[in-house]
Amino acid sequence: MKLAVYFVAILVCVQLSPTSAWGRRSRKSRKSKTSVDVKVSANKGGAKVSGAVKHQRDNWSAGVKGTVDSDGNWGVVGELSAKFKKRSVDWHNKHYIVTLSVDQCNFNVYDVDRDGYITMEEIKNIFGEGKGPENLFNDLNMTTDDNVVDEKEFIAMAPLLIRGCESTDLQNNSL
């Protein structure tokens, strides 16, 4: 029975300790959880004490379980588990800068589906949502206002609207 009392005392001390069983507490805020479970049972055949301590933290856990009966029989089981994460770009804290260059004066850059017309949807797919892409499309479509920009409209309006486009360049970059 003395062994059972010692076992329960150790479990309680571990739970009440201001530091973890694995050393000093880290200054960083981490998710950790310690649990203690103690059971005492008695009947005509004798008494039995069982207990467990489990500590969980971020990606690992450790625990000890044990039993002691009034006849002096005892058993202890320990467990340790760890989870490992796959390495990723975020883990390495690497970021890449990718720059793509296209000829802003080439009609085919904007006519993604190659149907001979530039639509508002194609402009938004290239530049995203917002007033800038809408204004560009509306200004390119100014001569016909038919909700599509054909190659002739583009050749006429691009030199006036898109910096770096000159009419001779547009003639050479057409289909």
N, C-alpha and C. Protein backbone atom coordinates (compact mmCIF):
# COMPACT_ATOMS: atom_id res chain seq x y z
N MET A 1 0.82 -1.19 0.00
CA MET A 1 0.00 0.00 0.00
C MET A 1 0.88 1.27 0.00
N LYS A 2 2.07 1.18 0.61
CA LYS A 2 2.97 2.33 0.61
C LYS A 2 3.32 2.73 -0.81
N LEU A 3 3.53 1.75 -1.67
CA LEU A 3 3.86 2.03 -3.06
C LEU A 3 2.74 2.80 -3.76
N ALA A 4 1.51 2.47 -3.44
CA ALA A 4 0.36 3.16 -4.03
C ALA A 4 0.34 4.62 -3.58
N VAL A 5 0.63 4.87 -2.33
CA VAL A 5 0.65 6.24 -1.81
C VAL A 5 1.75 7.04 -2.49
N TYR A 6 2.93 6.44 -2.66
CA TYR A 6 4.02 7.13 -3.35
C TYR A 6 3.66 7.45 -4.79
N PHE A 7 3.03 6.49 -5.45
CA PHE A 7 2.63 6.67 -6.84
C PHE A 7 1.67 7.85 -6.99
N VAL A 8 0.66 7.91 -6.13
CA VAL A 8 -0.31 9.02 -6.17
C VAL A 8 0.39 10.33 -5.84
N ALA A 9 1.29 10.33 -4.88
CA ALA A 9 2.01 11.56 -4.51
C ALA A 9 2.84 12.08 -5.67
N ILE A 10 3.49 11.20 -6.41
CA ILE A 10 4.29 11.62 -7.57
C ILE A 10 3.40 12.22 -8.64
N LEU A 11 2.26 11.60 -8.90
CA LEU A 11 1.33 12.13 -9.91
C LEU A 11 0.85 13.53 -9.54
N VAL A 12 0.50 13.74 -8.28
CA VAL A 12 0.03 15.05 -7.83
C VAL A 12 1.14 16.08 -7.93
N CYS A 13 2.36 15.73 -7.53
CA CYS A 13 3.48 16.68 -7.61
C CYS A 13 3.77 17.11 -9.04
N VAL A 14 3.71 16.17 -9.96
CA VAL A 14 3.95 16.51 -11.36
C VAL A 14 2.90 17.50 -11.85
N GLN A 15 1.65 17.30 -11.46
CA GLN A 15 0.58 18.18 -11.90
C GLN A 15 0.71 19.57 -11.30
N LEU A 16 1.12 19.67 -10.07
CA LEU A 16 1.19 20.96 -9.38
C LEU A 16 2.49 21.71 -9.64
N SER A 17 3.44 21.10 -10.25
CA SER A 17 4.75 21.70 -10.51
C SER A 17 4.61 22.93 -11.41
N PRO A 18 5.30 24.06 -11.09
CA PRO A 18 5.21 25.25 -11.94
C PRO A 18 5.94 25.11 -13.26
N THR A 19 6.77 24.08 -13.38
CA THR A 19 7.46 23.83 -14.65
C THR A 19 6.99 22.50 -15.18
N SER A 20 7.16 22.31 -16.46
CA SER A 20 6.78 21.03 -17.04
C SER A 20 7.77 19.96 -16.59
N ALA A 21 7.40 18.72 -16.79
CA ALA A 21 8.28 17.62 -16.43
C ALA A 21 9.50 17.57 -17.34
N TRP A 22 9.52 18.37 -18.39
CA TRP A 22 10.58 18.32 -19.39
C TRP A 22 11.53 19.50 -19.28
N GLY A 23 11.44 20.30 -18.21
CA GLY A 23 12.36 21.41 -18.05
C GLY A 23 11.62 22.72 -17.86
N ARG A 24 12.36 23.82 -18.00
CA ARG A 24 11.77 25.13 -17.79
C ARG A 24 10.76 25.46 -18.87
N ARG A 25 9.78 26.23 -18.50
CA ARG A 25 8.78 26.65 -19.48
C ARG A 25 9.38 27.63 -20.46
N SER A 26 8.96 27.53 -21.66
CA SER A 26 9.45 28.43 -22.71
C SER A 26 8.78 29.79 -22.55
N ARG A 27 9.48 30.83 -22.95
CA ARG A 27 8.88 32.16 -22.91
C ARG A 27 7.87 32.36 -24.02
N LYS A 28 7.98 31.55 -25.06
CA LYS A 28 7.03 31.65 -26.15
C LYS A 28 5.70 31.06 -25.71
N SER A 29 4.63 31.61 -26.23
CA SER A 29 3.31 31.11 -25.94
C SER A 29 3.04 29.89 -26.82
N ARG A 30 2.96 28.73 -26.21
CA ARG A 30 2.70 27.50 -26.95
C ARG A 30 1.46 26.84 -26.36
N LYS A 31 0.80 26.08 -27.17
CA LYS A 31 -0.34 25.33 -26.68
C LYS A 31 0.18 24.10 -25.95
N SER A 32 -0.14 23.99 -24.67
CA SER A 32 0.25 22.79 -23.94
C SER A 32 -0.87 22.43 -22.99
N LYS A 33 -0.93 21.15 -22.67
CA LYS A 33 -1.99 20.65 -21.81
C LYS A 33 -1.44 19.48 -21.02
N THR A 34 -1.61 19.52 -19.72
CA THR A 34 -1.21 18.40 -18.88
C THR A 34 -2.45 17.87 -18.18
N SER A 35 -2.60 16.57 -18.19
CA SER A 35 -3.75 15.97 -17.52
C SER A 35 -3.28 14.87 -16.58
N VAL A 36 -3.98 14.75 -15.44
CA VAL A 36 -3.69 13.72 -14.45
C VAL A 36 -4.98 12.99 -14.15
N ASP A 37 -4.91 11.68 -14.13
CA ASP A 37 -6.08 10.85 -13.85
C ASP A 37 -5.68 9.84 -12.78
N VAL A 38 -6.40 9.83 -11.65
CA VAL A 38 -6.11 8.90 -10.56
C VAL A 38 -7.41 8.19 -10.21
N LYS A 39 -7.34 6.85 -10.10
CA LYS A 39 -8.51 6.04 -9.73
C LYS A 39 -8.11 5.13 -8.59
N VAL A 40 -8.98 5.05 -7.59
CA VAL A 40 -8.78 4.16 -6.45
C VAL A 40 -10.00 3.27 -6.36
N SER A 41 -9.78 1.98 -6.26
CA SER A 41 -10.90 1.06 -6.11
C SER A 41 -10.57 0.06 -5.01
N ALA A 42 -11.60 -0.37 -4.30
CA ALA A 42 -11.40 -1.34 -3.22
C ALA A 42 -12.57 -2.31 -3.19
N ASN A 43 -12.27 -3.56 -2.89
CA ASN A 43 -13.31 -4.57 -2.68
C ASN A 43 -12.77 -5.60 -1.70
N LYS A 44 -13.50 -6.69 -1.48
CA LYS A 44 -13.06 -7.71 -0.51
C LYS A 44 -11.70 -8.30 -0.87
N GLY A 45 -11.40 -8.33 -2.14
CA GLY A 45 -10.14 -8.92 -2.58
C GLY A 45 -8.94 -8.01 -2.36
N GLY A 46 -9.14 -6.73 -2.11
CA GLY A 46 -8.03 -5.81 -1.91
C GLY A 46 -8.30 -4.46 -2.56
N ALA A 47 -7.27 -3.66 -2.60
CA ALA A 47 -7.39 -2.31 -3.16
C ALA A 47 -6.49 -2.17 -4.38
N LYS A 48 -6.85 -1.24 -5.23
CA LYS A 48 -6.07 -1.00 -6.44
C LYS A 48 -6.06 0.50 -6.71
N VAL A 49 -4.88 1.01 -7.04
CA VAL A 49 -4.73 2.42 -7.41
C VAL A 49 -4.15 2.45 -8.82
N SER A 50 -4.76 3.25 -9.67
CA SER A 50 -4.21 3.44 -11.02
C SER A 50 -4.16 4.93 -11.30
N GLY A 51 -3.21 5.31 -12.13
CA GLY A 51 -3.07 6.73 -12.44
C GLY A 51 -2.36 6.93 -13.75
N ALA A 52 -2.51 8.14 -14.25
CA ALA A 52 -1.87 8.48 -15.52
C ALA A 52 -1.56 9.97 -15.53
N VAL A 53 -0.47 10.31 -16.16
CA VAL A 53 -0.10 11.70 -16.41
C VAL A 53 0.20 11.80 -17.89
N LYS A 54 -0.39 12.80 -18.55
CA LYS A 54 -0.12 13.00 -19.97
C LYS A 54 0.12 14.49 -20.21
N HIS A 55 1.17 14.77 -20.94
CA HIS A 55 1.49 16.15 -21.30
C HIS A 55 1.51 16.26 -22.82
N GLN A 56 0.74 17.23 -23.33
CA GLN A 56 0.68 17.46 -24.77
C GLN A 56 1.15 18.88 -25.05
N ARG A 57 1.93 19.00 -26.13
CA ARG A 57 2.42 20.31 -26.53
C ARG A 57 2.58 20.32 -28.03
N ASP A 58 2.12 21.36 -28.68
CA ASP A 58 2.22 21.57 -30.12
C ASP A 58 2.23 20.27 -30.93
N ASN A 59 3.40 19.73 -31.21
CA ASN A 59 3.48 18.58 -32.09
C ASN A 59 4.02 17.32 -31.41
N TRP A 60 3.96 17.24 -30.08
CA TRP A 60 4.41 16.05 -29.39
C TRP A 60 3.59 15.84 -28.13
N SER A 61 3.63 14.62 -27.61
CA SER A 61 2.99 14.31 -26.34
C SER A 61 3.76 13.18 -25.66
N ALA A 62 3.68 13.16 -24.33
CA ALA A 62 4.33 12.10 -23.55
C ALA A 62 3.44 11.78 -22.37
N GLY A 63 3.45 10.54 -21.96
CA GLY A 63 2.60 10.16 -20.85
C GLY A 63 3.11 8.92 -20.14
N VAL A 64 2.63 8.74 -18.90
CA VAL A 64 2.96 7.57 -18.09
C VAL A 64 1.66 7.09 -17.45
N LYS A 65 1.43 5.75 -17.49
CA LYS A 65 0.27 5.14 -16.82
C LYS A 65 0.80 4.06 -15.91
N GLY A 66 0.12 3.86 -14.80
CA GLY A 66 0.57 2.81 -13.89
C GLY A 66 -0.53 2.33 -12.97
N THR A 67 -0.35 1.14 -12.42
CA THR A 67 -1.28 0.56 -11.44
C THR A 67 -0.49 -0.10 -10.32
N VAL A 68 -1.08 -0.09 -9.15
CA VAL A 68 -0.53 -0.79 -7.97
C VAL A 68 -1.71 -1.37 -7.22
N ASP A 69 -1.59 -2.65 -6.80
CA ASP A 69 -2.67 -3.23 -5.99
C ASP A 69 -2.15 -3.52 -4.59
N SER A 70 -3.06 -3.93 -3.70
CA SER A 70 -2.69 -4.14 -2.30
C SER A 70 -1.79 -5.35 -2.10
N ASP A 71 -1.69 -6.22 -3.08
CA ASP A 71 -0.80 -7.39 -2.99
C ASP A 71 0.62 -7.05 -3.42
N GLY A 72 0.84 -5.81 -3.89
CA GLY A 72 2.16 -5.41 -4.30
C GLY A 72 2.42 -5.57 -5.79
N ASN A 73 1.43 -6.00 -6.53
CA ASN A 73 1.57 -6.11 -7.98
C ASN A 73 1.49 -4.71 -8.60
N TRP A 74 2.32 -4.49 -9.57
CA TRP A 74 2.33 -3.16 -10.18
C TRP A 74 2.68 -3.28 -11.66
N GLY A 75 2.40 -2.18 -12.38
CA GLY A 75 2.74 -2.11 -13.80
C GLY A 75 2.81 -0.65 -14.23
N VAL A 76 3.72 -0.36 -15.15
CA VAL A 76 3.91 1.00 -15.65
C VAL A 76 4.04 0.95 -17.17
N VAL A 77 3.41 1.88 -17.83
CA VAL A 77 3.50 1.99 -19.29
C VAL A 77 3.80 3.45 -19.63
N GLY A 78 4.76 3.67 -20.51
CA GLY A 78 5.08 5.02 -20.95
C GLY A 78 4.82 5.17 -22.44
N GLU A 79 4.53 6.37 -22.87
CA GLU A 79 4.31 6.61 -24.30
C GLU A 79 4.87 7.97 -24.69
N LEU A 80 5.36 8.03 -25.91
CA LEU A 80 5.89 9.27 -26.46
C LEU A 80 5.49 9.29 -27.93
N SER A 81 4.93 10.40 -28.37
CA SER A 81 4.58 10.52 -29.79
C SER A 81 4.94 11.91 -30.29
N ALA A 82 5.30 11.96 -31.55
CA ALA A 82 5.65 13.24 -32.17
C ALA A 82 5.08 13.28 -33.57
N LYS A 83 4.64 14.46 -34.00
CA LYS A 83 4.13 14.66 -35.35
C LYS A 83 5.12 15.53 -36.09
N PHE A 84 5.46 15.12 -37.30
CA PHE A 84 6.38 15.88 -38.12
C PHE A 84 5.63 16.44 -39.29
N LYS A 85 5.87 17.70 -39.57
CA LYS A 85 5.22 18.36 -40.70
C LYS A 85 6.11 18.29 -41.93
N LYS A 86 5.47 18.26 -43.07
CA LYS A 86 6.19 18.26 -44.33
C LYS A 86 6.84 19.63 -44.52
N ARG A 87 8.06 19.63 -45.00
CA ARG A 87 8.71 20.91 -45.28
C ARG A 87 7.98 21.61 -46.41
N SER A 88 7.89 22.90 -46.31
CA SER A 88 7.20 23.66 -47.34
C SER A 88 7.92 24.98 -47.57
N VAL A 89 7.44 25.72 -48.53
CA VAL A 89 8.02 27.03 -48.82
C VAL A 89 7.86 27.93 -47.60
N ASP A 90 6.70 27.86 -46.94
CA ASP A 90 6.50 28.69 -45.75
C ASP A 90 7.49 28.32 -44.66
N TRP A 91 7.78 27.03 -44.53
CA TRP A 91 8.70 26.59 -43.49
C TRP A 91 10.08 27.17 -43.72
N HIS A 92 10.50 27.26 -44.96
CA HIS A 92 11.81 27.82 -45.28
C HIS A 92 11.79 29.34 -45.33
N ASN A 93 10.60 29.91 -45.28
CA ASN A 93 10.43 31.36 -45.34
C ASN A 93 11.04 31.95 -46.61
N LYS A 94 10.90 31.24 -47.72
CA LYS A 94 11.40 31.72 -49.00
C LYS A 94 10.25 32.30 -49.80
N HIS A 95 10.52 33.37 -50.49
CA HIS A 95 9.55 33.99 -51.38
C HIS A 95 10.26 34.29 -52.69
N TYR A 96 9.55 34.12 -53.75
CA TYR A 96 10.13 34.34 -55.07
C TYR A 96 9.46 35.54 -55.73
N ILE A 97 10.23 36.31 -56.43
CA ILE A 97 9.71 37.42 -57.22
C ILE A 97 9.76 36.96 -58.67
N VAL A 98 8.59 36.91 -59.30
CA VAL A 98 8.50 36.47 -60.68
C VAL A 98 8.01 37.65 -61.50
N THR A 99 8.75 38.00 -62.52
CA THR A 99 8.37 39.09 -63.41
C THR A 99 8.20 38.53 -64.81
N LEU A 100 7.05 38.78 -65.40
CA LEU A 100 6.79 38.35 -66.76
C LEU A 100 6.72 39.59 -67.65
N SER A 101 7.32 39.51 -68.80
CA SER A 101 7.29 40.64 -69.73
C SER A 101 6.56 40.20 -70.99
N VAL A 102 5.65 41.05 -71.43
CA VAL A 102 4.93 40.82 -72.69
C VAL A 102 4.96 42.11 -73.48
N ASP A 103 4.67 42.00 -74.73
CA ASP A 103 4.60 43.18 -75.59
C ASP A 103 3.21 43.81 -75.41
N GLN A 104 3.17 44.89 -74.68
CA GLN A 104 1.89 45.54 -74.39
C GLN A 104 1.20 46.10 -75.63
N CYS A 105 1.92 46.15 -76.74
CA CYS A 105 1.37 46.69 -77.98
C CYS A 105 0.85 45.60 -78.92
N ASN A 106 0.96 44.36 -78.54
CA ASN A 106 0.53 43.25 -79.39
C ASN A 106 -0.93 42.91 -79.10
N PHE A 107 -1.78 43.01 -80.09
CA PHE A 107 -3.21 42.72 -79.97
C PHE A 107 -3.45 41.32 -79.40
N ASN A 108 -2.64 40.34 -79.80
CA ASN A 108 -2.85 38.96 -79.38
C ASN A 108 -2.60 38.73 -77.89
N VAL A 109 -1.87 39.61 -77.26
CA VAL A 109 -1.66 39.50 -75.81
C VAL A 109 -3.00 39.67 -75.09
N TYR A 110 -3.85 40.54 -75.60
CA TYR A 110 -5.14 40.83 -74.98
C TYR A 110 -6.24 39.89 -75.49
N ASP A 111 -6.15 39.45 -76.73
CA ASP A 111 -7.14 38.55 -77.33
C ASP A 111 -6.78 37.11 -76.96
N VAL A 112 -7.07 36.74 -75.75
CA VAL A 112 -6.64 35.46 -75.20
C VAL A 112 -7.24 34.28 -75.95
N ASP A 113 -8.51 34.34 -76.31
CA ASP A 113 -9.15 33.20 -76.98
C ASP A 113 -8.97 33.22 -78.50
N ARG A 114 -8.27 34.20 -79.00
CA ARG A 114 -7.92 34.32 -80.43
C ARG A 114 -9.14 34.33 -81.36
N ASP A 115 -10.21 34.98 -80.89
CA ASP A 115 -11.41 35.08 -81.74
C ASP A 115 -11.44 36.36 -82.56
N GLY A 116 -10.40 37.17 -82.45
CA GLY A 116 -10.33 38.41 -83.22
C GLY A 116 -10.90 39.61 -82.49
N TYR A 117 -11.31 39.43 -81.24
CA TYR A 117 -11.89 40.51 -80.45
C TYR A 117 -11.35 40.48 -79.02
N ILE A 118 -11.19 41.66 -78.45
CA ILE A 118 -10.85 41.77 -77.04
C ILE A 118 -12.13 42.12 -76.31
N THR A 119 -12.45 41.35 -75.27
CA THR A 119 -13.66 41.62 -74.48
C THR A 119 -13.26 42.17 -73.11
N MET A 120 -14.24 42.72 -72.42
CA MET A 120 -14.02 43.21 -71.05
C MET A 120 -13.54 42.06 -70.17
N GLU A 121 -14.09 40.87 -70.35
CA GLU A 121 -13.69 39.71 -69.56
C GLU A 121 -12.21 39.38 -69.77
N GLU A 122 -11.74 39.45 -71.00
CA GLU A 122 -10.33 39.17 -71.27
C GLU A 122 -9.44 40.21 -70.60
N ILE A 123 -9.82 41.46 -70.65
CA ILE A 123 -9.04 42.52 -69.98
C ILE A 123 -8.99 42.27 -68.47
N LYS A 124 -10.15 41.92 -67.87
CA LYS A 124 -10.19 41.67 -66.43
C LYS A 124 -9.40 40.42 -66.05
N ASN A 125 -9.38 39.42 -66.92
CA ASN A 125 -8.59 38.22 -66.63
C ASN A 125 -7.10 38.53 -66.61
N ILE A 126 -6.69 39.51 -67.39
CA ILE A 126 -5.27 39.90 -67.41
C ILE A 126 -4.93 40.83 -66.26
N PHE A 127 -5.76 41.86 -66.05
CA PHE A 127 -5.43 42.92 -65.09
C PHE A 127 -6.19 42.84 -63.78
N GLY A 128 -7.19 41.98 -63.68
CA GLY A 128 -7.98 41.89 -62.46
C GLY A 128 -9.16 42.85 -62.48
N GLU A 129 -9.93 42.81 -61.40
CA GLU A 129 -11.10 43.67 -61.26
C GLU A 129 -10.68 45.09 -60.90
N GLY A 130 -11.53 46.04 -61.20
CA GLY A 130 -11.26 47.41 -60.79
C GLY A 130 -11.57 48.40 -61.89
N LYS A 131 -11.44 49.65 -61.53
CA LYS A 131 -11.73 50.74 -62.48
C LYS A 131 -10.67 50.86 -63.56
N GLY A 132 -9.41 50.59 -63.25
CA GLY A 132 -8.34 50.71 -64.24
C GLY A 132 -8.57 49.83 -65.46
N PRO A 133 -8.79 48.52 -65.27
CA PRO A 133 -9.06 47.66 -66.42
C PRO A 133 -10.34 48.05 -67.16
N GLU A 134 -11.37 48.43 -66.43
CA GLU A 134 -12.62 48.86 -67.07
C GLU A 134 -12.40 50.11 -67.91
N ASN A 135 -11.67 51.06 -67.36
CA ASN A 135 -11.40 52.30 -68.10
C ASN A 135 -10.57 52.03 -69.35
N LEU A 136 -9.56 51.16 -69.25
CA LEU A 136 -8.75 50.80 -70.41
C LEU A 136 -9.63 50.21 -71.50
N PHE A 137 -10.48 49.26 -71.14
CA PHE A 137 -11.34 48.64 -72.14
C PHE A 137 -12.28 49.67 -72.77
N ASN A 138 -12.92 50.48 -71.93
CA ASN A 138 -13.86 51.49 -72.46
C ASN A 138 -13.16 52.49 -73.38
N ASP A 139 -11.92 52.86 -73.04
CA ASP A 139 -11.19 53.80 -73.90
C ASP A 139 -10.75 53.15 -75.21
N LEU A 140 -10.37 51.87 -75.17
CA LEU A 140 -10.02 51.16 -76.41
C LEU A 140 -11.25 50.96 -77.29
N ASN A 141 -12.41 50.81 -76.69
CA ASN A 141 -13.66 50.56 -77.41
C ASN A 141 -14.38 51.85 -77.77
N MET A 142 -13.78 52.98 -77.57
CA MET A 142 -14.42 54.28 -77.74
C MET A 142 -14.94 54.51 -79.16
N THR A 143 -14.28 54.03 -80.18
CA THR A 143 -14.67 54.37 -81.56
C THR A 143 -15.96 53.68 -81.99
N THR A 144 -16.25 52.46 -81.51
CA THR A 144 -17.47 51.76 -81.93
C THR A 144 -18.45 51.52 -80.80
N ASP A 145 -18.00 51.48 -79.57
CA ASP A 145 -18.84 51.25 -78.40
C ASP A 145 -19.73 50.02 -78.57
N ASP A 146 -19.16 48.93 -79.11
CA ASP A 146 -19.92 47.69 -79.34
C ASP A 146 -19.56 46.57 -78.35
N ASN A 147 -18.89 46.92 -77.25
CA ASN A 147 -18.49 45.99 -76.19
C ASN A 147 -17.44 44.96 -76.60
N VAL A 148 -16.80 45.16 -77.74
CA VAL A 148 -15.64 44.37 -78.15
C VAL A 148 -14.67 45.30 -78.85
N VAL A 149 -13.38 44.97 -78.77
CA VAL A 149 -12.35 45.76 -79.44
C VAL A 149 -11.75 44.85 -80.50
N ASP A 150 -11.92 45.24 -81.77
CA ASP A 150 -11.29 44.43 -82.82
C ASP A 150 -9.88 44.96 -83.06
N GLU A 151 -9.14 44.30 -83.92
CA GLU A 151 -7.74 44.65 -84.13
C GLU A 151 -7.58 46.07 -84.71
N LYS A 152 -8.49 46.49 -85.60
CA LYS A 152 -8.41 47.84 -86.18
C LYS A 152 -8.58 48.90 -85.10
N GLU A 153 -9.54 48.70 -84.20
CA GLU A 153 -9.73 49.65 -83.09
C GLU A 153 -8.48 49.70 -82.22
N PHE A 154 -7.94 48.53 -81.93
CA PHE A 154 -6.76 48.46 -81.08
C PHE A 154 -5.59 49.22 -81.71
N ILE A 155 -5.37 49.01 -83.00
CA ILE A 155 -4.27 49.69 -83.71
C ILE A 155 -4.48 51.20 -83.71
N ALA A 156 -5.74 51.63 -83.79
CA ALA A 156 -6.04 53.07 -83.80
C ALA A 156 -5.88 53.70 -82.42
N MET A 157 -6.31 53.00 -81.37
CA MET A 157 -6.38 53.61 -80.04
C MET A 157 -5.15 53.34 -79.15
N ALA A 158 -4.49 52.22 -79.32
CA ALA A 158 -3.37 51.87 -78.43
C ALA A 158 -2.27 52.91 -78.40
N PRO A 159 -1.87 53.51 -79.55
CA PRO A 159 -0.81 54.52 -79.48
C PRO A 159 -1.22 55.74 -78.64
N LEU A 160 -2.51 56.00 -78.56
CA LEU A 160 -2.99 57.15 -77.78
C LEU A 160 -3.14 56.82 -76.29
N LEU A 161 -3.33 55.53 -75.99
CA LEU A 161 -3.67 55.14 -74.62
C LEU A 161 -2.58 54.38 -73.87
N ILE A 162 -1.78 53.60 -74.59
CA ILE A 162 -0.80 52.71 -73.93
C ILE A 162 0.60 53.25 -74.18
N ARG A 163 1.26 53.63 -73.09
CA ARG A 163 2.61 54.17 -73.19
C ARG A 163 3.55 53.14 -73.82
N GLY A 164 4.34 53.58 -74.79
CA GLY A 164 5.31 52.71 -75.45
C GLY A 164 4.81 52.14 -76.77
N CYS A 165 3.53 52.32 -77.08
CA CYS A 165 3.00 51.80 -78.35
C CYS A 165 3.05 52.90 -79.40
N GLU A 166 3.63 52.57 -80.52
CA GLU A 166 3.65 53.50 -81.65
C GLU A 166 2.98 52.81 -82.81
N SER A 167 2.35 53.54 -83.65
CA SER A 167 1.54 52.95 -84.72
C SER A 167 2.36 52.03 -85.62
N THR A 168 3.64 52.33 -85.87
CA THR A 168 4.45 51.45 -86.72
C THR A 168 4.70 50.11 -86.02
N ASP A 169 4.88 50.15 -84.70
CA ASP A 169 5.07 48.91 -83.95
C ASP A 169 3.81 48.05 -84.00
N LEU A 170 2.65 48.70 -83.91
CA LEU A 170 1.39 47.96 -83.91
C LEU A 170 1.16 47.28 -85.26
N GLN A 171 1.50 47.93 -86.32
CA GLN A 171 1.31 47.32 -87.64
C GLN A 171 2.17 46.05 -87.75
N ASN A 172 3.38 46.07 -87.21
CA ASN A 172 4.28 44.92 -87.29
C ASN A 172 3.89 43.80 -86.35
N ASN A 173 3.17 44.11 -85.25
CA ASN A 173 2.81 43.10 -84.26
C ASN A 173 1.45 42.50 -84.52
N SER A 174 0.78 42.89 -85.56
CA SER A 174 -0.56 42.33 -85.80
C SER A 174 -0.43 40.91 -86.27
N LEU A 175 -1.56 40.25 -86.32
CA LEU A 175 -1.64 38.84 -86.68
C LEU A 175 -0.58 38.44 -87.66
